[in-house]
Amino acid sequence: MIELLDGFPSDVLAFRLTGQITARDYDEVLMPPIRVAFEEGGDLRVYVEMGHDFTGFEPGALWEDVKAGVQYGLMHRDQWKKMAIVTDLTWIGRLVVLFGWMAPGELQLFTFEQLLKAKHWVSD
């Protein structure tokens, strides 16, 4: 499940990921605000929390992620400014270390102990 979080500046999109993410979660919750941000032409700052209950993406959601990466990651590379990923999941940390260099904009990994630091960093 993907939940849109409140309490962030208007130029920060904030999400909480729990359980297994489906293609429907991706299409109906994650992508609409991202599309709007790109259509409006502003900079994009993203905050993502993945707690211990996050188990990953179903195959359909992974495909949506790949498509979105091409369409919005490559074609709008200059609009991506910052992405803060907050998690204590070791396997997510390893993926960020291995593949984070491919992310557009700045990407930083934070633990839940650093939650306030992550919120401040992505908002600056």
Protein backbone atom coordinates (compact mmCIF):
# COMPACT_ATOMS: atom_id res chain seq x y z
CA MET A 1 0.00 0.00 0.00
CA ILE A 2 1.16 3.55 -0.71
CA GLU A 3 -0.09 6.37 1.47
CA LEU A 4 0.33 10.07 0.65
CA LEU A 5 1.60 11.89 3.76
CA ASP A 6 0.60 15.36 4.92
CA GLY A 7 2.59 17.92 6.87
CA PHE A 8 5.28 18.69 4.29
CA PRO A 9 5.92 21.87 2.30
CA SER A 10 3.88 22.10 -0.92
CA ASP A 11 6.92 21.28 -3.09
CA VAL A 12 7.59 17.96 -1.27
CA LEU A 13 5.70 14.80 -2.17
CA ALA A 14 5.74 12.43 0.79
CA PHE A 15 4.78 8.76 0.76
CA ARG A 16 4.68 5.82 3.18
CA LEU A 17 5.05 2.34 1.65
CA THR A 18 3.70 -0.67 3.55
CA GLY A 19 3.13 -4.30 2.66
CA GLN A 20 3.55 -5.25 -0.98
CA ILE A 21 3.11 -2.50 -3.54
CA THR A 22 0.77 -3.33 -6.42
CA ALA A 23 0.49 -1.81 -9.89
CA ARG A 24 -2.82 -0.31 -8.75
CA ASP A 25 -1.11 1.40 -5.77
CA TYR A 26 1.45 2.78 -8.16
CA ASP A 27 -1.10 4.03 -10.72
CA GLU A 28 -3.67 5.43 -8.30
CA VAL A 29 -1.59 6.86 -5.43
CA LEU A 30 2.07 7.35 -6.35
CA MET A 31 2.00 8.56 -9.94
CA PRO A 32 -0.87 11.11 -10.00
CA PRO A 33 0.85 13.70 -7.76
CA ILE A 34 4.17 13.11 -9.54
CA ARG A 35 2.54 13.70 -12.93
CA VAL A 36 0.92 16.91 -11.67
CA ALA A 37 4.27 18.15 -10.32
CA PHE A 38 5.94 17.59 -13.68
CA GLU A 39 3.05 19.18 -15.59
CA GLU A 40 3.31 22.27 -13.39
CA GLY A 41 7.01 22.45 -14.22
CA GLY A 42 8.32 22.82 -10.69
CA ASP A 43 11.17 21.11 -8.94
CA LEU A 44 10.40 17.73 -7.44
CA ARG A 45 11.37 16.73 -3.93
CA VAL A 46 10.25 13.32 -2.70
CA TYR A 47 10.20 11.82 0.78
CA VAL A 48 9.59 8.06 1.14
CA GLU A 49 9.21 5.99 4.32
CA MET A 50 9.55 2.20 4.18
CA GLY A 51 9.05 0.53 7.55
CA HIS A 52 9.61 -3.08 8.58
CA ASP A 53 6.18 -3.97 7.21
CA PHE A 54 7.24 -3.03 3.65
CA THR A 55 7.81 -6.25 1.70
CA GLY A 56 8.49 -5.00 -1.83
CA PHE A 57 6.81 -4.65 -5.20
CA GLU A 58 4.68 -7.14 -7.09
CA PRO A 59 5.89 -7.72 -10.69
CA GLY A 60 3.25 -5.39 -12.17
CA ALA A 61 4.36 -2.57 -9.87
CA LEU A 62 8.00 -3.14 -10.83
CA TRP A 63 7.03 -2.74 -14.48
CA GLU A 64 5.22 0.52 -13.67
CA ASP A 65 8.35 1.70 -11.86
CA VAL A 66 10.53 0.94 -14.89
CA LYS A 67 8.14 2.78 -17.23
CA ALA A 68 7.94 5.78 -14.89
CA GLY A 69 11.72 5.82 -14.54
CA VAL A 70 12.12 6.18 -18.28
CA GLN A 71 9.29 8.66 -18.76
CA TYR A 72 9.78 10.84 -15.69
CA GLY A 73 13.32 10.06 -14.55
CA LEU A 74 15.12 10.51 -17.85
CA MET A 75 12.83 12.93 -19.66
CA HIS A 76 12.45 15.29 -16.66
CA ARG A 77 15.85 14.76 -15.08
CA ASP A 78 16.37 18.49 -14.36
CA GLN A 79 13.16 18.75 -12.31
CA TRP A 80 14.22 16.07 -9.78
CA LYS A 81 15.99 17.84 -6.92
CA LYS A 82 16.01 15.58 -3.86
CA MET A 83 14.76 12.22 -2.70
CA ALA A 84 14.95 11.15 0.94
CA ILE A 85 14.43 7.46 1.64
CA VAL A 86 13.77 6.60 5.28
CA THR A 87 14.08 2.95 6.23
CA ASP A 88 15.73 0.56 8.63
CA LEU A 89 15.46 -2.30 6.12
CA THR A 90 18.98 -3.50 5.30
CA TRP A 91 17.99 -4.79 1.86
CA ILE A 92 16.61 -1.38 0.83
CA GLY A 93 19.83 0.26 2.02
CA ARG A 94 21.85 -2.14 -0.12
CA LEU A 95 19.70 -1.38 -3.18
CA VAL A 96 20.17 2.36 -2.64
CA VAL A 97 23.94 1.91 -2.38
CA LEU A 98 24.04 -0.24 -5.53
CA PHE A 99 21.60 1.66 -7.73
CA GLY A 100 21.27 5.11 -6.14
CA TRP A 101 23.73 6.62 -8.61
CA MET A 102 21.11 6.12 -11.32
CA ALA A 103 18.52 8.28 -9.53
CA PRO A 104 17.98 11.78 -10.89
CA GLY A 105 18.76 14.57 -8.45
CA GLU A 106 20.24 14.06 -5.00
CA LEU A 107 19.35 10.87 -3.15
CA GLN A 108 20.00 10.26 0.53
CA LEU A 109 19.24 7.29 2.72
CA PHE A 110 18.14 7.86 6.33
CA THR A 111 17.18 5.57 9.21
CA PHE A 112 13.99 6.09 11.21
CA GLU A 113 16.20 7.45 13.99
CA GLN A 114 17.12 10.22 11.49
CA LEU A 115 13.51 10.91 10.47
CA LEU A 116 13.52 14.61 11.38
CA LYS A 117 16.85 15.10 9.65
CA ALA A 118 15.40 13.48 6.49
CA LYS A 119 12.34 15.74 6.56
CA HIS A 120 14.50 18.82 7.01
CA TRP A 121 16.99 17.78 4.30
CA VAL A 122 14.35 17.10 1.63
CA SER A 123 12.53 20.34 2.46
CA ASP A 124 15.61 22.61 2.14
